[in-house]
Amino acid sequence: ITSQTRLTRTNNDDAHYQISGTITNYDPTLTVGVSGNQSSTNRLNVTVHIVLRKEGRLQDEIIRNLTDEIFNRIFSNW
């Protein structure tokens, strides 16, 4: 986040964002495709729970942008 945005990390009480997250599940699929005797593709599905706290006036915009971004990531390579 700090390398790709103008945000900087702080531990002060006046932070603009408070972000926390937990990996709630992961599921490795070792053989998705087979080429000869070797697996050609491995897959790792990860489920995360993200909590984002921000100034109330931008909350609707953040939620809308997150929803749009998730939708675009899912269906852009369909």
PDB file of N, CA and C in Angstrom:
ATOM      1  N   ILE A   1       0.836  -1.192   0.000  1.00  0.00           N
ATOM      2  CA  ILE A   1       0.000   0.000   0.000  1.00  0.00           C
ATOM      3  C   ILE A   1       0.877   1.251   0.000  1.00  0.00           C
ATOM      4  N   THR A   2       1.895   1.258   0.837  1.00  0.00           N
ATOM      5  CA  THR A   2       2.715   2.462   0.915  1.00  0.00           C
ATOM      6  C   THR A   2       3.540   2.692  -0.351  1.00  0.00           C
ATOM      7  N   SER A   3       3.877   1.627  -1.085  1.00  0.00           N
ATOM      8  CA  SER A   3       4.664   1.813  -2.302  1.00  0.00           C
ATOM      9  C   SER A   3       3.802   2.172  -3.515  1.00  0.00           C
ATOM     10  N   GLN A   4       2.491   1.914  -3.464  1.00  0.00           N
ATOM     11  CA  GLN A   4       1.641   2.152  -4.619  1.00  0.00           C
ATOM     12  C   GLN A   4       0.604   3.254  -4.405  1.00  0.00           C
ATOM     13  N   THR A   5       0.636   3.902  -3.261  1.00  0.00           N
ATOM     14  CA  THR A   5      -0.288   5.004  -2.988  1.00  0.00           C
ATOM     15  C   THR A   5       0.478   6.129  -2.309  1.00  0.00           C
ATOM     16  N   ARG A   6      -0.207   7.216  -2.040  1.00  0.00           N
ATOM     17  CA  ARG A   6       0.394   8.323  -1.305  1.00  0.00           C
ATOM     18  C   ARG A   6       0.215   8.170   0.202  1.00  0.00           C
ATOM     19  N   LEU A   7      -0.330   7.050   0.644  1.00  0.00           N
ATOM     20  CA  LEU A   7      -0.564   6.831   2.063  1.00  0.00           C
ATOM     21  C   LEU A   7       0.748   6.524   2.776  1.00  0.00           C
ATOM     22  N   THR A   8       0.814   6.906   4.028  1.00  0.00           N
ATOM     23  CA  THR A   8       1.954   6.564   4.870  1.00  0.00           C
ATOM     24  C   THR A   8       1.438   5.895   6.133  1.00  0.00           C
ATOM     25  N   ARG A   9       2.249   5.040   6.689  1.00  0.00           N
ATOM     26  CA  ARG A   9       1.843   4.307   7.885  1.00  0.00           C
ATOM     27  C   ARG A   9       2.028   5.185   9.121  1.00  0.00           C
ATOM     28  N   THR A  10       1.048   5.098  10.024  1.00  0.00           N
ATOM     29  CA  THR A  10       1.126   5.837  11.273  1.00  0.00           C
ATOM     30  C   THR A  10       0.444   5.039  12.375  1.00  0.00           C
ATOM     31  N   ASN A  11       0.862   5.255  13.598  1.00  0.00           N
ATOM     32  CA  ASN A  11       0.217   4.625  14.745  1.00  0.00           C
ATOM     33  C   ASN A  11      -0.531   5.649  15.586  1.00  0.00           C
ATOM     34  N   ASN A  12      -0.722   6.844  15.046  1.00  0.00           N
ATOM     35  CA  ASN A  12      -1.433   7.903  15.754  1.00  0.00           C
ATOM     36  C   ASN A  12      -2.931   7.640  15.762  1.00  0.00           C
ATOM     37  N   ASP A  13      -3.629   8.246  16.701  1.00  0.00           N
ATOM     38  CA  ASP A  13      -5.080   8.093  16.789  1.00  0.00           C
ATOM     39  C   ASP A  13      -5.827   8.812  15.677  1.00  0.00           C
ATOM     40  N   ASP A  14      -5.156   9.726  14.955  1.00  0.00           N
ATOM     41  CA  ASP A  14      -5.828  10.492  13.911  1.00  0.00           C
ATOM     42  C   ASP A  14      -5.589   9.898  12.515  1.00  0.00           C
ATOM     43  N   ALA A  15      -5.327   8.615  12.431  1.00  0.00           N
ATOM     44  CA  ALA A  15      -5.098   7.968  11.139  1.00  0.00           C
ATOM     45  C   ALA A  15      -6.356   8.050  10.276  1.00  0.00           C
ATOM     46  N   HIS A  16      -6.179   8.193   8.971  1.00  0.00           N
ATOM     47  CA  HIS A  16      -7.311   8.277   8.060  1.00  0.00           C
ATOM     48  C   HIS A  16      -7.974   6.933   7.844  1.00  0.00           C
ATOM     49  N   TYR A  17      -7.184   5.887   7.810  1.00  0.00           N
ATOM     50  CA  TYR A  17      -7.703   4.536   7.609  1.00  0.00           C
ATOM     51  C   TYR A  17      -7.192   3.628   8.713  1.00  0.00           C
ATOM     52  N   GLN A  18      -7.993   2.680   9.097  1.00  0.00           N
ATOM     53  CA  GLN A  18      -7.570   1.578   9.947  1.00  0.00           C
ATOM     54  C   GLN A  18      -7.942   0.307   9.202  1.00  0.00           C
ATOM     55  N   ILE A  19      -6.934  -0.450   8.779  1.00  0.00           N
ATOM     56  CA  ILE A  19      -7.168  -1.652   7.990  1.00  0.00           C
ATOM     57  C   ILE A  19      -6.648  -2.848   8.767  1.00  0.00           C
ATOM     58  N   SER A  20      -7.488  -3.862   8.877  1.00  0.00           N
ATOM     59  CA  SER A  20      -7.042  -5.110   9.478  1.00  0.00           C
ATOM     60  C   SER A  20      -7.631  -6.254   8.669  1.00  0.00           C
ATOM     61  N   GLY A  21      -6.976  -7.386   8.702  1.00  0.00           N
ATOM     62  CA  GLY A  21      -7.457  -8.507   7.921  1.00  0.00           C
ATOM     63  C   GLY A  21      -7.002  -9.821   8.511  1.00  0.00           C
ATOM     64  N   THR A  22      -7.753 -10.857   8.181  1.00  0.00           N
ATOM     65  CA  THR A  22      -7.455 -12.201   8.649  1.00  0.00           C
ATOM     66  C   THR A  22      -7.694 -13.173   7.505  1.00  0.00           C
ATOM     67  N   ILE A  23      -6.767 -14.107   7.312  1.00  0.00           N
ATOM     68  CA  ILE A  23      -7.007 -15.201   6.381  1.00  0.00           C
ATOM     69  C   ILE A  23      -7.906 -16.185   7.100  1.00  0.00           C
ATOM     70  N   THR A  24      -9.097 -16.401   6.564  1.00  0.00           N
ATOM     71  CA  THR A  24     -10.066 -17.267   7.238  1.00  0.00           C
ATOM     72  C   THR A  24     -10.068 -18.686   6.683  1.00  0.00           C
ATOM     73  N   ASN A  25      -9.522 -18.862   5.479  1.00  0.00           N
ATOM     74  CA  ASN A  25      -9.468 -20.206   4.910  1.00  0.00           C
ATOM     75  C   ASN A  25      -8.508 -20.202   3.739  1.00  0.00           C
ATOM     76  N   TYR A  26      -7.866 -21.327   3.488  1.00  0.00           N
ATOM     77  CA  TYR A  26      -7.106 -21.500   2.258  1.00  0.00           C
ATOM     78  C   TYR A  26      -7.234 -22.947   1.811  1.00  0.00           C
ATOM     79  N   ASP A  27      -7.229 -23.132   0.506  1.00  0.00           N
ATOM     80  CA  ASP A  27      -7.452 -24.451  -0.056  1.00  0.00           C
ATOM     81  C   ASP A  27      -6.532 -24.655  -1.254  1.00  0.00           C
ATOM     82  N   PRO A  28      -5.423 -25.379  -1.070  1.00  0.00           N
ATOM     83  CA  PRO A  28      -4.553 -25.653  -2.210  1.00  0.00           C
ATOM     84  C   PRO A  28      -5.115 -26.788  -3.060  1.00  0.00           C
ATOM     85  N   THR A  29      -5.151 -26.579  -4.349  1.00  0.00           N
ATOM     86  CA  THR A  29      -5.516 -27.620  -5.289  1.00  0.00           C
ATOM     87  C   THR A  29      -4.241 -27.955  -6.048  1.00  0.00           C
ATOM     88  N   LEU A  30      -3.713 -29.112  -5.800  1.00  0.00           N
ATOM     89  CA  LEU A  30      -2.392 -29.433  -6.304  1.00  0.00           C
ATOM     90  C   LEU A  30      -2.371 -29.778  -7.782  1.00  0.00           C
ATOM     91  N   THR A  31      -3.413 -30.351  -8.325  1.00  0.00           N
ATOM     92  CA  THR A  31      -3.404 -30.722  -9.732  1.00  0.00           C
ATOM     93  C   THR A  31      -4.659 -30.207 -10.416  1.00  0.00           C
ATOM     94  N   VAL A  32      -4.509 -29.107 -11.121  1.00  0.00           N
ATOM     95  CA  VAL A  32      -5.614 -28.561 -11.892  1.00  0.00           C
ATOM     96  C   VAL A  32      -5.507 -29.043 -13.331  1.00  0.00           C
ATOM     97  N   GLY A  33      -4.298 -29.126 -13.845  1.00  0.00           N
ATOM     98  CA  GLY A  33      -4.080 -29.620 -15.201  1.00  0.00           C
ATOM     99  C   GLY A  33      -2.913 -30.594 -15.188  1.00  0.00           C
ATOM    100  N   VAL A  34      -2.917 -31.551 -16.104  1.00  0.00           N
ATOM    101  CA  VAL A  34      -1.856 -32.541 -16.172  1.00  0.00           C
ATOM    102  C   VAL A  34      -1.261 -32.522 -17.568  1.00  0.00           C
ATOM    103  N   SER A  35       0.058 -32.477 -17.638  1.00  0.00           N
ATOM    104  CA  SER A  35       0.779 -32.532 -18.900  1.00  0.00           C
ATOM    105  C   SER A  35       1.806 -33.643 -18.773  1.00  0.00           C
ATOM    106  N   GLY A  36       1.591 -34.739 -19.441  1.00  0.00           N
ATOM    107  CA  GLY A  36       2.469 -35.891 -19.275  1.00  0.00           C
ATOM    108  C   GLY A  36       2.261 -36.489 -17.900  1.00  0.00           C
ATOM    109  N   ASN A  37       3.315 -36.618 -17.131  1.00  0.00           N
ATOM    110  CA  ASN A  37       3.235 -37.147 -15.772  1.00  0.00           C
ATOM    111  C   ASN A  37       3.352 -36.059 -14.716  1.00  0.00           C
ATOM    112  N   GLN A  38       3.339 -34.808 -15.119  1.00  0.00           N
ATOM    113  CA  GLN A  38       3.520 -33.705 -14.180  1.00  0.00           C
ATOM    114  C   GLN A  38       2.310 -32.794 -14.187  1.00  0.00           C
ATOM    115  N   SER A  39       2.038 -32.225 -13.008  1.00  0.00           N
ATOM    116  CA  SER A  39       0.947 -31.259 -12.936  1.00  0.00           C
ATOM    117  C   SER A  39       1.415 -29.975 -13.596  1.00  0.00           C
ATOM    118  N   SER A  40       0.573 -29.394 -14.427  1.00  0.00           N
ATOM    119  CA  SER A  40       0.961 -28.189 -15.155  1.00  0.00           C
ATOM    120  C   SER A  40       0.437 -26.921 -14.500  1.00  0.00           C
ATOM    121  N   THR A  41      -0.529 -27.047 -13.625  1.00  0.00           N
ATOM    122  CA  THR A  41      -1.096 -25.870 -12.967  1.00  0.00           C
ATOM    123  C   THR A  41      -1.470 -26.211 -11.536  1.00  0.00           C
ATOM    124  N   ASN A  42      -1.056 -25.367 -10.612  1.00  0.00           N
ATOM    125  CA  ASN A  42      -1.486 -25.483  -9.218  1.00  0.00           C
ATOM    126  C   ASN A  42      -2.328 -24.266  -8.889  1.00  0.00           C
ATOM    127  N   ARG A  43      -3.244 -24.417  -7.951  1.00  0.00           N
ATOM    128  CA  ARG A  43      -4.135 -23.319  -7.588  1.00  0.00           C
ATOM    129  C   ARG A  43      -4.206 -23.215  -6.075  1.00  0.00           C
ATOM    130  N   LEU A  44      -4.239 -21.994  -5.570  1.00  0.00           N
ATOM    131  CA  LEU A  44      -4.430 -21.739  -4.150  1.00  0.00           C
ATOM    132  C   LEU A  44      -5.576 -20.747  -4.008  1.00  0.00           C
ATOM    133  N   ASN A  45      -6.679 -21.195  -3.419  1.00  0.00           N
ATOM    134  CA  ASN A  45      -7.815 -20.311  -3.131  1.00  0.00           C
ATOM    135  C   ASN A  45      -7.679 -19.816  -1.708  1.00  0.00           C
ATOM    136  N   VAL A  46      -7.736 -18.517  -1.519  1.00  0.00           N
ATOM    137  CA  VAL A  46      -7.583 -17.901  -0.206  1.00  0.00           C
ATOM    138  C   VAL A  46      -8.821 -17.067   0.095  1.00  0.00           C
ATOM    139  N   THR A  47      -9.373 -17.234   1.296  1.00  0.00           N
ATOM    140  CA  THR A  47     -10.499 -16.439   1.753  1.00  0.00           C
ATOM    141  C   THR A  47      -9.997 -15.496   2.836  1.00  0.00           C
ATOM    142  N   VAL A  48     -10.295 -14.211   2.690  1.00  0.00           N
ATOM    143  CA  VAL A  48      -9.847 -13.228   3.670  1.00  0.00           C
ATOM    144  C   VAL A  48     -11.028 -12.430   4.192  1.00  0.00           C
ATOM    145  N   HIS A  49     -10.892 -11.950   5.409  1.00  0.00           N
ATOM    146  CA  HIS A  49     -11.872 -11.046   6.022  1.00  0.00           C
ATOM    147  C   HIS A  49     -11.138  -9.733   6.278  1.00  0.00           C
ATOM    148  N   ILE A  50     -11.564  -8.670   5.597  1.00  0.00           N
ATOM    149  CA  ILE A  50     -10.917  -7.362   5.699  1.00  0.00           C
ATOM    150  C   ILE A  50     -11.847  -6.400   6.425  1.00  0.00           C
ATOM    151  N   VAL A  51     -11.290  -5.669   7.375  1.00  0.00           N
ATOM    152  CA  VAL A  51     -12.034  -4.627   8.072  1.00  0.00           C
ATOM    153  C   VAL A  51     -11.355  -3.298   7.746  1.00  0.00           C
ATOM    154  N   LEU A  52     -12.116  -2.368   7.170  1.00  0.00           N
ATOM    155  CA  LEU A  52     -11.614  -1.054   6.799  1.00  0.00           C
ATOM    156  C   LEU A  52     -12.435  -0.008   7.535  1.00  0.00           C
ATOM    157  N   ARG A  53     -11.763   0.804   8.312  1.00  0.00           N
ATOM    158  CA  ARG A  53     -12.434   1.900   9.013  1.00  0.00           C
ATOM    159  C   ARG A  53     -11.899   3.211   8.445  1.00  0.00           C
ATOM    160  N   LYS A  54     -12.799   4.083   8.060  1.00  0.00           N
ATOM    161  CA  LYS A  54     -12.461   5.341   7.417  1.00  0.00           C
ATOM    162  C   LYS A  54     -13.441   6.402   7.866  1.00  0.00           C
ATOM    163  N   GLU A  55     -13.060   7.653   7.595  1.00  0.00           N
ATOM    164  CA  GLU A  55     -13.980   8.755   7.859  1.00  0.00           C
ATOM    165  C   GLU A  55     -15.321   8.475   7.214  1.00  0.00           C
ATOM    166  N   GLY A  56     -16.402   8.676   7.921  1.00  0.00           N
ATOM    167  CA  GLY A  56     -17.747   8.322   7.477  1.00  0.00           C
ATOM    168  C   GLY A  56     -18.160   8.894   6.140  1.00  0.00           C
ATOM    169  N   ARG A  57     -17.698  10.073   5.796  1.00  0.00           N
ATOM    170  CA  ARG A  57     -18.162  10.694   4.555  1.00  0.00           C
ATOM    171  C   ARG A  57     -17.654   9.987   3.309  1.00  0.00           C
ATOM    172  N   LEU A  58     -16.587   9.194   3.423  1.00  0.00           N
ATOM    173  CA  LEU A  58     -16.073   8.473   2.263  1.00  0.00           C
ATOM    174  C   LEU A  58     -16.423   6.991   2.277  1.00  0.00           C
ATOM    175  N   GLN A  59     -17.114   6.536   3.287  1.00  0.00           N
ATOM    176  CA  GLN A  59     -17.394   5.112   3.436  1.00  0.00           C
ATOM    177  C   GLN A  59     -18.198   4.559   2.256  1.00  0.00           C
ATOM    178  N   ASP A  60     -19.238   5.249   1.813  1.00  0.00           N
ATOM    179  CA  ASP A  60     -20.052   4.773   0.693  1.00  0.00           C
ATOM    180  C   ASP A  60     -19.222   4.649  -0.583  1.00  0.00           C
ATOM    181  N   GLU A  61     -18.365   5.630  -0.828  1.00  0.00           N
ATOM    182  CA  GLU A  61     -17.520   5.596  -2.026  1.00  0.00           C
ATOM    183  C   GLU A  61     -16.522   4.433  -1.962  1.00  0.00           C
ATOM    184  N   ILE A  62     -15.941   4.188  -0.808  1.00  0.00           N
ATOM    185  CA  ILE A  62     -14.995   3.087  -0.649  1.00  0.00           C
ATOM    186  C   ILE A  62     -15.687   1.755  -0.886  1.00  0.00           C
ATOM    187  N   ILE A  63     -16.853   1.560  -0.309  1.00  0.00           N
ATOM    188  CA  ILE A  63     -17.590   0.304  -0.484  1.00  0.00           C
ATOM    189  C   ILE A  63     -17.963   0.110  -1.944  1.00  0.00           C
ATOM    190  N   ARG A  64     -18.422   1.163  -2.605  1.00  0.00           N
ATOM    191  CA  ARG A  64     -18.781   1.071  -4.025  1.00  0.00           C
ATOM    192  C   ARG A  64     -17.555   0.712  -4.863  1.00  0.00           C
ATOM    193  N   ASN A  65     -16.422   1.335  -4.594  1.00  0.00           N
ATOM    194  CA  ASN A  65     -15.206   1.050  -5.355  1.00  0.00           C
ATOM    195  C   ASN A  65     -14.709  -0.371  -5.102  1.00  0.00           C
ATOM    196  N   LEU A  66     -14.786  -0.836  -3.862  1.00  0.00           N
ATOM    197  CA  LEU A  66     -14.374  -2.211  -3.560  1.00  0.00           C
ATOM    198  C   LEU A  66     -15.261  -3.212  -4.287  1.00  0.00           C
ATOM    199  N   THR A  67     -16.558  -2.974  -4.266  1.00  0.00           N
ATOM    200  CA  THR A  67     -17.496  -3.862  -4.951  1.00  0.00           C
ATOM    201  C   THR A  67     -17.213  -3.892  -6.444  1.00  0.00           C
ATOM    202  N   ASP A  68     -17.002  -2.733  -7.041  1.00  0.00           N
ATOM    203  CA  ASP A  68     -16.691  -2.666  -8.474  1.00  0.00           C
ATOM    204  C   ASP A  68     -15.383  -3.388  -8.783  1.00  0.00           C
ATOM    205  N   GLU A  69     -14.383  -3.190  -7.956  1.00  0.00           N
ATOM    206  CA  GLU A  69     -13.077  -3.812  -8.179  1.00  0.00           C
ATOM    207  C   GLU A  69     -13.157  -5.334  -8.082  1.00  0.00           C
ATOM    208  N   ILE A  70     -13.869  -5.840  -7.093  1.00  0.00           N
ATOM    209  CA  ILE A  70     -14.041  -7.293  -6.947  1.00  0.00           C
ATOM    210  C   ILE A  70     -14.769  -7.855  -8.167  1.00  0.00           C
ATOM    211  N   PHE A  71     -15.863  -7.211  -8.578  1.00  0.00           N
ATOM    212  CA  PHE A  71     -16.616  -7.657  -9.753  1.00  0.00           C
ATOM    213  C   PHE A  71     -15.724  -7.676 -10.993  1.00  0.00           C
ATOM    214  N   ASN A  72     -14.965  -6.603 -11.221  1.00  0.00           N
ATOM    215  CA  ASN A  72     -14.104  -6.517 -12.401  1.00  0.00           C
ATOM    216  C   ASN A  72     -13.009  -7.585 -12.377  1.00  0.00           C
ATOM    217  N   ARG A  73     -12.440  -7.857 -11.212  1.00  0.00           N
ATOM    218  CA  ARG A  73     -11.392  -8.888 -11.119  1.00  0.00           C
ATOM    219  C   ARG A  73     -11.952 -10.274 -11.405  1.00  0.00           C
ATOM    220  N   ILE A  74     -13.170 -10.533 -10.966  1.00  0.00           N
ATOM    221  CA  ILE A  74     -13.773 -11.854 -11.175  1.00  0.00           C
ATOM    222  C   ILE A  74     -14.097 -12.059 -12.656  1.00  0.00           C
ATOM    223  N   PHE A  75     -14.708 -11.079 -13.302  1.00  0.00           N
ATOM    224  CA  PHE A  75     -15.256 -11.280 -14.628  1.00  0.00           C
ATOM    225  C   PHE A  75     -14.399 -10.747 -15.767  1.00  0.00           C
ATOM    226  N   SER A  76     -13.284 -10.093 -15.496  1.00  0.00           N
ATOM    227  CA  SER A  76     -12.472  -9.545 -16.585  1.00  0.00           C
ATOM    228  C   SER A  76     -11.738 -10.623 -17.363  1.00  0.00           C
ATOM    229  N   ASN A  77     -11.458 -11.769 -16.743  1.00  0.00           N
ATOM    230  CA  ASN A  77     -10.755 -12.856 -17.433  1.00  0.00           C
ATOM    231  C   ASN A  77     -11.663 -14.031 -17.711  1.00  0.00           C
ATOM    232  N   TRP A  78     -12.942 -13.825 -17.744  1.00  0.00           N
ATOM    233  CA  TRP A  78     -13.917 -14.906 -17.895  1.00  0.00           C
ATOM    234  C   TRP A  78     -13.802 -15.525 -19.264  1.00  0.00           C
TER     235      TRP A  78
END
